[in-house]
Amino acid sequence: MFINEYTMTRKRYDKWSVPKFWKSGPMFFIWCFIFIVGTLSWIYFNTITVPLRWKTVCAFLVFISVYRGVFFKWMHADKTFRVTRGQYFNGKDWTCKVIIGDKNITLYINNKLNNKVDWKDINRFEEAKSYYKLASGDQNEGVMLDKDSFTEGDSEQFKTWMQEHHPDIPYGPIHPAYDK
């Protein structure tokens, strides 16, 4: 019915798994607050005479807030991608083929059957700028379809087909942090 084929590269993995850090929720604002408090305290402590440990604490707060607020999720995704590619694919990018049928969704990795997903397991149909996600759980898991990589059918036909054949699966935009 529909076939979607793409190569999983580092860039694509980032796009699909790393949220935009400024849209990643309330934790981003907490890290911003810690950054501001740490920076202002660091500046203030440099103007008065205080023990070096207080300046060090402020510097530590600034660096940790930048690391956790901006770089952590990207670095975690980078490590996950490199480990997956190294352990399972001999250090190379892997090809993904998704066949969407009436009864189920079949996933192939490097032309080998990887998984079959029944339509009853899909609980959300989400759309981003460059991909669709058929979500199967509360977390960030599901079947990903690149809009530009349909080899049978196209992205608009797929969207129309989903809304006609699976109206019970709620359709909507993906979380703004992942809309890339």
Protein backbone atom coordinates (compact mmCIF):
# COMPACT_ATOMS: atom_id res chain seq x y z
CA MET A 1 0.00 0.00 0.00
CA PHE A 2 2.64 2.56 1.12
CA ILE A 3 6.39 2.06 1.31
CA ASN A 4 8.78 4.47 3.01
CA GLU A 5 12.55 3.90 2.65
CA TYR A 6 15.35 5.99 4.12
CA THR A 7 18.86 5.73 5.49
CA MET A 8 19.21 6.48 9.18
CA THR A 9 21.97 9.07 9.38
CA ARG A 10 23.20 11.13 12.30
CA LYS A 11 21.40 14.21 10.99
CA ARG A 12 18.06 12.38 10.63
CA TYR A 13 18.46 10.76 14.07
CA ASP A 14 19.04 14.21 15.60
CA LYS A 15 16.01 15.64 13.87
CA TRP A 16 13.75 12.89 15.16
CA SER A 17 15.09 12.33 18.67
CA VAL A 18 16.53 15.61 20.01
CA PRO A 19 14.08 18.35 20.95
CA LYS A 20 14.77 21.99 20.30
CA PHE A 21 16.29 22.90 23.64
CA TRP A 22 14.35 26.17 24.01
CA LYS A 23 11.05 24.33 23.51
CA SER A 24 11.78 21.29 25.65
CA GLY A 25 9.48 22.28 28.48
CA PRO A 26 9.64 23.80 31.94
CA MET A 27 13.06 22.32 32.75
CA PHE A 28 14.63 24.65 30.19
CA PHE A 29 13.35 27.65 32.15
CA ILE A 30 14.64 26.20 35.40
CA TRP A 31 18.10 25.84 33.82
CA CYS A 32 17.82 29.42 32.50
CA PHE A 33 16.99 30.63 36.00
CA ILE A 34 19.96 28.76 37.47
CA PHE A 35 22.18 30.21 34.74
CA ILE A 36 21.05 33.78 35.48
CA VAL A 37 21.39 33.38 39.26
CA GLY A 38 24.81 31.76 38.86
CA THR A 39 26.05 34.43 36.44
CA LEU A 40 24.82 37.38 38.49
CA SER A 41 26.21 35.84 41.70
CA TRP A 42 29.54 35.16 40.01
CA ILE A 43 29.75 38.78 38.83
CA TYR A 44 28.73 40.09 42.25
CA PHE A 45 31.20 37.85 44.11
CA ASN A 46 34.00 39.05 41.84
CA THR A 47 33.35 42.64 42.95
CA ILE A 48 33.46 41.93 46.69
CA THR A 49 35.83 39.95 48.84
CA VAL A 50 34.50 36.44 49.36
CA PRO A 51 36.23 33.06 49.61
CA LEU A 52 37.11 31.46 46.27
CA ARG A 53 34.78 28.52 46.94
CA TRP A 54 31.72 30.80 46.48
CA LYS A 55 32.97 31.97 43.10
CA THR A 56 33.64 28.35 42.20
CA VAL A 57 30.10 27.35 43.19
CA CYS A 58 28.68 30.10 40.97
CA ALA A 59 30.88 29.09 38.03
CA PHE A 60 29.84 25.48 38.55
CA LEU A 61 26.15 26.49 38.46
CA VAL A 62 26.67 28.41 35.21
CA PHE A 63 28.49 25.58 33.46
CA ILE A 64 26.09 22.87 34.67
CA SER A 65 23.05 24.88 33.58
CA VAL A 66 24.48 25.38 30.08
CA TYR A 67 25.41 21.70 29.83
CA ARG A 68 22.07 20.36 31.08
CA GLY A 69 19.87 22.99 29.44
CA VAL A 70 21.47 23.03 25.99
CA PHE A 71 23.90 20.18 25.29
CA PHE A 72 22.79 17.16 27.36
CA LYS A 73 20.02 15.77 25.13
CA TRP A 74 22.06 16.29 21.99
CA MET A 75 25.10 14.56 23.53
CA HIS A 76 22.94 11.67 24.78
CA ALA A 77 21.44 11.18 21.30
CA ASP A 78 24.92 11.33 19.76
CA LYS A 79 26.15 8.59 22.08
CA THR A 80 23.05 6.45 21.48
CA PHE A 81 23.44 6.77 17.72
CA ARG A 82 27.17 5.97 17.77
CA VAL A 83 26.71 2.96 20.06
CA THR A 84 23.80 1.60 18.00
CA ARG A 85 25.70 2.06 14.74
CA GLY A 86 28.82 0.48 16.20
CA GLN A 87 27.17 -2.51 17.91
CA TYR A 88 24.63 -3.49 15.30
CA PHE A 89 25.71 -2.04 11.95
CA ASN A 90 29.53 -2.24 11.89
CA GLY A 91 29.93 1.51 12.21
CA LYS A 92 27.76 2.31 9.17
CA ASP A 93 24.43 4.07 8.74
CA TRP A 94 21.51 1.68 8.33
CA THR A 95 18.60 1.54 5.92
CA CYS A 96 15.02 1.45 7.12
CA LYS A 97 12.06 0.28 5.09
CA VAL A 98 8.52 0.68 6.40
CA ILE A 99 5.67 -1.10 4.60
CA ILE A 100 2.25 0.19 5.60
CA GLY A 101 -0.54 -2.28 4.93
CA ASP A 102 -4.18 -2.67 5.86
CA LYS A 103 -3.51 -5.12 8.70
CA ASN A 104 -0.14 -3.98 10.09
CA ILE A 105 3.05 -2.01 9.62
CA THR A 106 6.16 -4.02 8.76
CA LEU A 107 9.60 -2.67 9.56
CA TYR A 108 12.79 -3.78 7.82
CA ILE A 109 16.32 -2.78 8.78
CA ASN A 110 19.04 -3.43 6.19
CA ASN A 111 16.49 -5.54 4.24
CA LYS A 112 15.86 -7.88 7.18
CA LEU A 113 12.51 -8.12 8.94
CA ASN A 114 12.79 -6.26 12.23
CA ASN A 115 9.27 -5.82 13.58
CA LYS A 116 5.56 -5.90 12.81
CA VAL A 117 3.28 -3.40 14.47
CA ASP A 118 -0.49 -3.95 14.58
CA TRP A 119 -2.76 -0.98 14.03
CA LYS A 120 -4.31 -1.55 17.46
CA ASP A 121 -0.93 -0.65 19.02
CA ILE A 122 -0.84 2.79 17.36
CA ASN A 123 -2.45 5.42 19.59
CA ARG A 124 -1.47 8.73 17.88
CA PHE A 125 -0.76 9.95 14.35
CA GLU A 126 1.52 12.98 14.60
CA GLU A 127 2.88 15.25 11.90
CA ALA A 128 6.08 17.33 11.90
CA LYS A 129 7.53 19.49 9.14
CA SER A 130 9.56 16.70 7.58
CA TYR A 131 8.16 13.43 8.98
CA TYR A 132 5.16 11.54 10.34
CA LYS A 133 5.16 9.60 13.56
CA LEU A 134 2.81 6.73 14.33
CA ALA A 135 3.19 6.74 18.10
CA SER A 136 2.78 3.51 20.01
CA GLY A 137 3.31 4.59 23.60
CA ASP A 138 3.41 7.44 26.03
CA GLN A 139 7.14 7.92 25.56
CA ASN A 140 9.04 8.96 22.45
CA GLU A 141 8.52 5.68 20.61
CA GLY A 142 6.77 4.82 17.40
CA VAL A 143 7.11 4.30 13.67
CA MET A 144 8.76 7.21 11.88
CA LEU A 145 8.09 8.01 8.21
CA ASP A 146 10.14 10.56 6.29
CA LYS A 147 7.80 12.67 4.14
CA ASP A 148 10.28 12.83 1.25
CA SER A 149 11.12 9.10 1.25
CA PHE A 150 7.92 7.44 0.07
CA THR A 151 8.72 5.01 -2.75
CA GLU A 152 5.10 3.92 -3.16
CA GLY A 153 2.52 6.62 -2.61
CA ASP A 154 3.38 10.04 -1.27
CA SER A 155 3.06 11.90 2.01
CA GLU A 156 -0.25 13.64 1.21
CA GLN A 157 -1.83 10.39 -0.01
CA PHE A 158 -0.65 8.69 3.18
CA LYS A 159 -2.12 11.43 5.38
CA THR A 160 -5.46 11.22 3.55
CA TRP A 161 -5.42 7.41 3.72
CA MET A 162 -4.73 7.48 7.47
CA GLN A 163 -7.59 9.87 8.13
CA GLU A 164 -9.99 7.78 6.03
CA HIS A 165 -8.98 4.26 7.09
CA HIS A 166 -7.98 4.92 10.71
CA PRO A 167 -10.22 7.72 12.02
CA ASP A 168 -10.00 6.14 15.50
CA ILE A 169 -6.29 7.12 15.72
CA PRO A 170 -6.14 10.77 16.81
CA TYR A 171 -4.32 13.03 14.36
CA GLY A 172 -2.43 16.14 15.39
CA PRO A 173 0.82 18.03 15.27
CA ILE A 174 3.87 16.65 17.00
CA HIS A 175 5.12 18.33 20.18
CA PRO A 176 6.65 21.70 19.14
CA ALA A 177 10.06 20.73 20.49
CA TYR A 178 10.28 17.92 17.89
CA ASP A 179 8.75 19.83 14.95
CA LYS A 180 11.77 19.92 12.68
